[in-house]
Amino acid sequence: MVKSPCTNICAIDYNVGFCMGCKRTIKEITHWPNLSNIDRKKILLKILDRKFLISKDRKKTPKVETFK
């Protein structure tokens, strides 16, 4: 059985279309209990892609410097 990627940080970001905790869409979250292990693994691969894209976007964001 493939374990749920839920992180208990449930916050759907409607701008990006998925939960900021587990990186699943609402549809993926609600269908998870009824999915086969193969379909669950497919979602886990999508999650890896989403995490990569998020980290890539963060690198493009200019850093804010603070001065003391």
PDB file of N, CA and C in Angstrom:
ATOM      1  N   MET A   1       0.841  -1.186   0.000  1.00  0.00           N
ATOM      2  CA  MET A   1       0.000   0.000   0.000  1.00  0.00           C
ATOM      3  C   MET A   1       0.883   1.245   0.000  1.00  0.00           C
ATOM      4  N   VAL A   2       0.580   2.161  -0.900  1.00  0.00           N
ATOM      5  CA  VAL A   2       1.342   3.405  -1.016  1.00  0.00           C
ATOM      6  C   VAL A   2       0.803   4.401   0.003  1.00  0.00           C
ATOM      7  N   LYS A   3       1.689   4.913   0.828  1.00  0.00           N
ATOM      8  CA  LYS A   3       1.313   5.840   1.897  1.00  0.00           C
ATOM      9  C   LYS A   3       0.943   7.215   1.331  1.00  0.00           C
ATOM     10  N   SER A   4      -0.017   7.842   1.959  1.00  0.00           N
ATOM     11  CA  SER A   4      -0.446   9.178   1.562  1.00  0.00           C
ATOM     12  C   SER A   4       0.679  10.194   1.789  1.00  0.00           C
ATOM     13  N   PRO A   5       0.834  11.137   0.852  1.00  0.00           N
ATOM     14  CA  PRO A   5       1.859  12.175   1.022  1.00  0.00           C
ATOM     15  C   PRO A   5       1.403  13.335   1.910  1.00  0.00           C
ATOM     16  N   CYS A   6       0.243  13.197   2.546  1.00  0.00           N
ATOM     17  CA  CYS A   6      -0.297  14.269   3.381  1.00  0.00           C
ATOM     18  C   CYS A   6       0.714  14.671   4.454  1.00  0.00           C
ATOM     19  N   THR A   7       0.881  15.980   4.616  1.00  0.00           N
ATOM     20  CA  THR A   7       1.813  16.518   5.609  1.00  0.00           C
ATOM     21  C   THR A   7       1.076  17.185   6.776  1.00  0.00           C
ATOM     22  N   ASN A   8      -0.259  17.107   6.762  1.00  0.00           N
ATOM     23  CA  ASN A   8      -1.107  17.773   7.752  1.00  0.00           C
ATOM     24  C   ASN A   8      -0.970  19.286   7.714  1.00  0.00           C
ATOM     25  N   ILE A   9      -0.514  19.799   6.573  1.00  0.00           N
ATOM     26  CA  ILE A   9      -0.504  21.243   6.318  1.00  0.00           C
ATOM     27  C   ILE A   9      -1.467  21.433   5.152  1.00  0.00           C
ATOM     28  N   CYS A  10      -2.738  21.504   5.466  1.00  0.00           N
ATOM     29  CA  CYS A  10      -3.780  21.526   4.441  1.00  0.00           C
ATOM     30  C   CYS A  10      -4.128  22.960   4.081  1.00  0.00           C
ATOM     31  N   ALA A  11      -3.579  23.418   2.962  1.00  0.00           N
ATOM     32  CA  ALA A  11      -3.835  24.779   2.510  1.00  0.00           C
ATOM     33  C   ALA A  11      -3.843  24.775   0.986  1.00  0.00           C
ATOM     34  N   ILE A  12      -5.039  24.796   0.409  1.00  0.00           N
ATOM     35  CA  ILE A  12      -5.163  24.791  -1.041  1.00  0.00           C
ATOM     36  C   ILE A  12      -4.851  26.182  -1.577  1.00  0.00           C
ATOM     37  N   ASP A  13      -3.889  26.267  -2.461  1.00  0.00           N
ATOM     38  CA  ASP A  13      -3.568  27.521  -3.138  1.00  0.00           C
ATOM     39  C   ASP A  13      -4.271  27.476  -4.487  1.00  0.00           C
ATOM     40  N   TYR A  14      -5.347  28.218  -4.616  1.00  0.00           N
ATOM     41  CA  TYR A  14      -6.155  28.173  -5.837  1.00  0.00           C
ATOM     42  C   TYR A  14      -5.435  28.829  -7.016  1.00  0.00           C
ATOM     43  N   ASN A  15      -4.394  29.595  -6.766  1.00  0.00           N
ATOM     44  CA  ASN A  15      -3.611  30.180  -7.866  1.00  0.00           C
ATOM     45  C   ASN A  15      -2.781  29.114  -8.576  1.00  0.00           C
ATOM     46  N   VAL A  16      -2.245  28.173  -7.828  1.00  0.00           N
ATOM     47  CA  VAL A  16      -1.437  27.108  -8.433  1.00  0.00           C
ATOM     48  C   VAL A  16      -2.231  25.819  -8.607  1.00  0.00           C
ATOM     49  N   GLY A  17      -3.321  25.681  -7.847  1.00  0.00           N
ATOM     50  CA  GLY A  17      -4.215  24.560  -8.044  1.00  0.00           C
ATOM     51  C   GLY A  17      -3.961  23.328  -7.206  1.00  0.00           C
ATOM     52  N   PHE A  18      -3.131  23.451  -6.174  1.00  0.00           N
ATOM     53  CA  PHE A  18      -2.888  22.288  -5.320  1.00  0.00           C
ATOM     54  C   PHE A  18      -2.569  22.705  -3.895  1.00  0.00           C
ATOM     55  N   CYS A  19      -2.566  21.707  -3.013  1.00  0.00           N
ATOM     56  CA  CYS A  19      -2.288  21.925  -1.597  1.00  0.00           C
ATOM     57  C   CYS A  19      -0.817  22.300  -1.412  1.00  0.00           C
ATOM     58  N   MET A  20      -0.574  23.291  -0.601  1.00  0.00           N
ATOM     59  CA  MET A  20       0.811  23.724  -0.366  1.00  0.00           C
ATOM     60  C   MET A  20       1.560  22.753   0.539  1.00  0.00           C
ATOM     61  N   GLY A  21       0.833  21.897   1.246  1.00  0.00           N
ATOM     62  CA  GLY A  21       1.489  20.898   2.095  1.00  0.00           C
ATOM     63  C   GLY A  21       1.919  19.679   1.313  1.00  0.00           C
ATOM     64  N   CYS A  22       0.965  18.980   0.717  1.00  0.00           N
ATOM     65  CA  CYS A  22       1.266  17.712   0.041  1.00  0.00           C
ATOM     66  C   CYS A  22       1.456  17.859  -1.462  1.00  0.00           C
ATOM     67  N   LYS A  23       1.122  18.998  -2.015  1.00  0.00           N
ATOM     68  CA  LYS A  23       1.259  19.294  -3.450  1.00  0.00           C
ATOM     69  C   LYS A  23       0.294  18.493  -4.328  1.00  0.00           C
ATOM     70  N   ARG A  24      -0.829  18.029  -3.746  1.00  0.00           N
ATOM     71  CA  ARG A  24      -1.844  17.334  -4.535  1.00  0.00           C
ATOM     72  C   ARG A  24      -2.990  18.278  -4.853  1.00  0.00           C
ATOM     73  N   THR A  25      -3.679  18.002  -5.969  1.00  0.00           N
ATOM     74  CA  THR A  25      -4.878  18.762  -6.302  1.00  0.00           C
ATOM     75  C   THR A  25      -6.021  18.270  -5.418  1.00  0.00           C
ATOM     76  N   ILE A  26      -7.099  19.036  -5.380  1.00  0.00           N
ATOM     77  CA  ILE A  26      -8.263  18.614  -4.594  1.00  0.00           C
ATOM     78  C   ILE A  26      -8.777  17.267  -5.109  1.00  0.00           C
ATOM     79  N   LYS A  27      -8.810  17.111  -6.413  1.00  0.00           N
ATOM     80  CA  LYS A  27      -9.272  15.855  -7.013  1.00  0.00           C
ATOM     81  C   LYS A  27      -8.381  14.682  -6.582  1.00  0.00           C
ATOM     82  N   GLU A  28      -7.074  14.884  -6.594  1.00  0.00           N
ATOM     83  CA  GLU A  28      -6.147  13.821  -6.176  1.00  0.00           C
ATOM     84  C   GLU A  28      -6.344  13.471  -4.700  1.00  0.00           C
ATOM     85  N   ILE A  29      -6.566  14.484  -3.884  1.00  0.00           N
ATOM     86  CA  ILE A  29      -6.766  14.260  -2.443  1.00  0.00           C
ATOM     87  C   ILE A  29      -8.049  13.460  -2.200  1.00  0.00           C
ATOM     88  N   THR A  30      -9.122  13.876  -2.848  1.00  0.00           N
ATOM     89  CA  THR A  30     -10.407  13.217  -2.597  1.00  0.00           C
ATOM     90  C   THR A  30     -10.479  11.809  -3.179  1.00  0.00           C
ATOM     91  N   HIS A  31      -9.761  11.568  -4.270  1.00  0.00           N
ATOM     92  CA  HIS A  31      -9.779  10.236  -4.887  1.00  0.00           C
ATOM     93  C   HIS A  31      -8.752   9.282  -4.290  1.00  0.00           C
ATOM     94  N   TRP A  32      -7.794   9.784  -3.524  1.00  0.00           N
ATOM     95  CA  TRP A  32      -6.688   8.975  -3.001  1.00  0.00           C
ATOM     96  C   TRP A  32      -7.126   7.648  -2.368  1.00  0.00           C
ATOM     97  N   PRO A  33      -8.108   7.635  -1.476  1.00  0.00           N
ATOM     98  CA  PRO A  33      -8.474   6.374  -0.813  1.00  0.00           C
ATOM     99  C   PRO A  33      -8.937   5.277  -1.773  1.00  0.00           C
ATOM    100  N   ASN A  34      -9.452   5.653  -2.935  1.00  0.00           N
ATOM    101  CA  ASN A  34     -10.000   4.681  -3.875  1.00  0.00           C
ATOM    102  C   ASN A  34      -9.055   4.337  -5.027  1.00  0.00           C
ATOM    103  N   LEU A  35      -7.874   4.927  -5.047  1.00  0.00           N
ATOM    104  CA  LEU A  35      -6.943   4.705  -6.148  1.00  0.00           C
ATOM    105  C   LEU A  35      -6.133   3.423  -5.958  1.00  0.00           C
ATOM    106  N   SER A  36      -5.713   2.853  -7.073  1.00  0.00           N
ATOM    107  CA  SER A  36      -4.814   1.702  -7.025  1.00  0.00           C
ATOM    108  C   SER A  36      -3.418   2.197  -6.649  1.00  0.00           C
ATOM    109  N   ASN A  37      -2.553   1.304  -6.246  1.00  0.00           N
ATOM    110  CA  ASN A  37      -1.184   1.678  -5.904  1.00  0.00           C
ATOM    111  C   ASN A  37      -0.455   2.274  -7.100  1.00  0.00           C
ATOM    112  N   ILE A  38      -0.757   1.788  -8.288  1.00  0.00           N
ATOM    113  CA  ILE A  38      -0.123   2.334  -9.500  1.00  0.00           C
ATOM    114  C   ILE A  38      -0.530   3.787  -9.703  1.00  0.00           C
ATOM    115  N   ASP A  39      -1.824   4.078  -9.550  1.00  0.00           N
ATOM    116  CA  ASP A  39      -2.289   5.462  -9.702  1.00  0.00           C
ATOM    117  C   ASP A  39      -1.734   6.363  -8.598  1.00  0.00           C
ATOM    118  N   ARG A  40      -1.597   5.823  -7.410  1.00  0.00           N
ATOM    119  CA  ARG A  40      -1.006   6.601  -6.314  1.00  0.00           C
ATOM    120  C   ARG A  40       0.456   6.941  -6.626  1.00  0.00           C
ATOM    121  N   LYS A  41       1.174   5.982  -7.178  1.00  0.00           N
ATOM    122  CA  LYS A  41       2.579   6.231  -7.539  1.00  0.00           C
ATOM    123  C   LYS A  41       2.681   7.280  -8.645  1.00  0.00           C
ATOM    124  N   LYS A  42       1.725   7.284  -9.563  1.00  0.00           N
ATOM    125  CA  LYS A  42       1.701   8.305 -10.615  1.00  0.00           C
ATOM    126  C   LYS A  42       1.534   9.696 -10.004  1.00  0.00           C
ATOM    127  N   ILE A  43       0.675   9.793  -9.005  1.00  0.00           N
ATOM    128  CA  ILE A  43       0.472  11.078  -8.319  1.00  0.00           C
ATOM    129  C   ILE A  43       1.749  11.490  -7.595  1.00  0.00           C
ATOM    130  N   LEU A  44       2.421  10.541  -6.961  1.00  0.00           N
ATOM    131  CA  LEU A  44       3.671  10.864  -6.264  1.00  0.00           C
ATOM    132  C   LEU A  44       4.712  11.405  -7.241  1.00  0.00           C
ATOM    133  N   LEU A  45       4.734  10.889  -8.466  1.00  0.00           N
ATOM    134  CA  LEU A  45       5.661  11.410  -9.480  1.00  0.00           C
ATOM    135  C   LEU A  45       5.273  12.831  -9.886  1.00  0.00           C
ATOM    136  N   LYS A  46       3.979  13.097 -10.005  1.00  0.00           N
ATOM    137  CA  LYS A  46       3.516  14.458 -10.309  1.00  0.00           C
ATOM    138  C   LYS A  46       3.924  15.418  -9.202  1.00  0.00           C
ATOM    139  N   ILE A  47       3.838  14.939  -7.958  1.00  0.00           N
ATOM    140  CA  ILE A  47       4.215  15.765  -6.811  1.00  0.00           C
ATOM    141  C   ILE A  47       5.695  16.159  -6.901  1.00  0.00           C
ATOM    142  N   LEU A  48       6.547  15.218  -7.288  1.00  0.00           N
ATOM    143  CA  LEU A  48       7.967  15.532  -7.446  1.00  0.00           C
ATOM    144  C   LEU A  48       8.174  16.621  -8.488  1.00  0.00           C
ATOM    145  N   ASP A  49       7.433  16.540  -9.600  1.00  0.00           N
ATOM    146  CA  ASP A  49       7.522  17.577 -10.629  1.00  0.00           C
ATOM    147  C   ASP A  49       7.081  18.929 -10.079  1.00  0.00           C
ATOM    148  N   ARG A  50       6.001  18.930  -9.322  1.00  0.00           N
ATOM    149  CA  ARG A  50       5.492  20.185  -8.755  1.00  0.00           C
ATOM    150  C   ARG A  50       6.495  20.788  -7.782  1.00  0.00           C
ATOM    151  N   LYS A  51       7.097  19.948  -6.952  1.00  0.00           N
ATOM    152  CA  LYS A  51       8.099  20.453  -6.002  1.00  0.00           C
ATOM    153  C   LYS A  51       9.285  21.048  -6.746  1.00  0.00           C
ATOM    154  N   PHE A  52       9.690  20.400  -7.841  1.00  0.00           N
ATOM    155  CA  PHE A  52      10.804  20.906  -8.641  1.00  0.00           C
ATOM    156  C   PHE A  52      10.461  22.262  -9.245  1.00  0.00           C
ATOM    157  N   LEU A  53       9.261  22.372  -9.808  1.00  0.00           N
ATOM    158  CA  LEU A  53       8.848  23.639 -10.412  1.00  0.00           C
ATOM    159  C   LEU A  53       8.758  24.753  -9.387  1.00  0.00           C
ATOM    160  N   ILE A  54       8.276  24.434  -8.195  1.00  0.00           N
ATOM    161  CA  ILE A  54       8.194  25.442  -7.131  1.00  0.00           C
ATOM    162  C   ILE A  54       9.588  25.907  -6.739  1.00  0.00           C
ATOM    163  N   SER A  55      10.516  24.973  -6.570  1.00  0.00           N
ATOM    164  CA  SER A  55      11.878  25.355  -6.176  1.00  0.00           C
ATOM    165  C   SER A  55      12.554  26.143  -7.288  1.00  0.00           C
ATOM    166  N   LYS A  56      12.249  25.808  -8.539  1.00  0.00           N
ATOM    167  CA  LYS A  56      12.814  26.528  -9.684  1.00  0.00           C
ATOM    168  C   LYS A  56      12.293  27.960  -9.720  1.00  0.00           C
ATOM    169  N   ASP A  57      10.988  28.138  -9.460  1.00  0.00           N
ATOM    170  CA  ASP A  57      10.393  29.473  -9.437  1.00  0.00           C
ATOM    171  C   ASP A  57      10.961  30.314  -8.309  1.00  0.00           C
ATOM    172  N   ARG A  58      11.223  29.697  -7.178  1.00  0.00           N
ATOM    173  CA  ARG A  58      11.766  30.441  -6.028  1.00  0.00           C
ATOM    174  C   ARG A  58      13.153  30.977  -6.335  1.00  0.00           C
ATOM    175  N   LYS A  59      13.915  30.242  -7.140  1.00  0.00           N
ATOM    176  CA  LYS A  59      15.258  30.697  -7.495  1.00  0.00           C
ATOM    177  C   LYS A  59      15.204  31.922  -8.393  1.00  0.00           C
ATOM    178  N   LYS A  60      14.117  32.089  -9.158  1.00  0.00           N
ATOM    179  CA  LYS A  60      13.958  33.228 -10.038  1.00  0.00           C
ATOM    180  C   LYS A  60      13.555  34.488  -9.275  1.00  0.00           C
ATOM    181  N   THR A  61      12.962  34.290  -8.092  1.00  0.00           N
ATOM    182  CA  THR A  61      12.496  35.416  -7.300  1.00  0.00           C
ATOM    183  C   THR A  61      13.700  36.146  -6.706  1.00  0.00           C
ATOM    184  N   PRO A  62      13.776  37.454  -6.913  1.00  0.00           N
ATOM    185  CA  PRO A  62      14.906  38.198  -6.347  1.00  0.00           C
ATOM    186  C   PRO A  62      14.897  38.150  -4.819  1.00  0.00           C
ATOM    187  N   LYS A  63      16.069  38.017  -4.273  1.00  0.00           N
ATOM    188  CA  LYS A  63      16.187  37.970  -2.823  1.00  0.00           C
ATOM    189  C   LYS A  63      16.145  39.380  -2.264  1.00  0.00           C
ATOM    190  N   VAL A  64      15.546  39.503  -1.110  1.00  0.00           N
ATOM    191  CA  VAL A  64      15.466  40.788  -0.434  1.00  0.00           C
ATOM    192  C   VAL A  64      16.582  40.866   0.578  1.00  0.00           C
ATOM    193  N   GLU A  65      17.350  41.922   0.493  1.00  0.00           N
ATOM    194  CA  GLU A  65      18.450  42.087   1.437  1.00  0.00           C
ATOM    195  C   GLU A  65      17.989  42.988   2.583  1.00  0.00           C
ATOM    196  N   THR A  66      18.427  42.648   3.764  1.00  0.00           N
ATOM    197  CA  THR A  66      18.139  43.510   4.903  1.00  0.00           C
ATOM    198  C   THR A  66      19.444  44.051   5.442  1.00  0.00           C
ATOM    199  N   PHE A  67      19.411  45.275   5.864  1.00  0.00           N
ATOM    200  CA  PHE A  67      20.599  45.937   6.389  1.00  0.00           C
ATOM    201  C   PHE A  67      20.373  46.303   7.843  1.00  0.00           C
ATOM    202  N   LYS A  68      21.392  46.115   8.637  1.00  0.00           N
ATOM    203  CA  LYS A  68      21.297  46.480  10.064  1.00  0.00           C
ATOM    204  C   LYS A  68      22.016  47.776  10.319  1.00  0.00           C
TER     205      LYS A  68
END
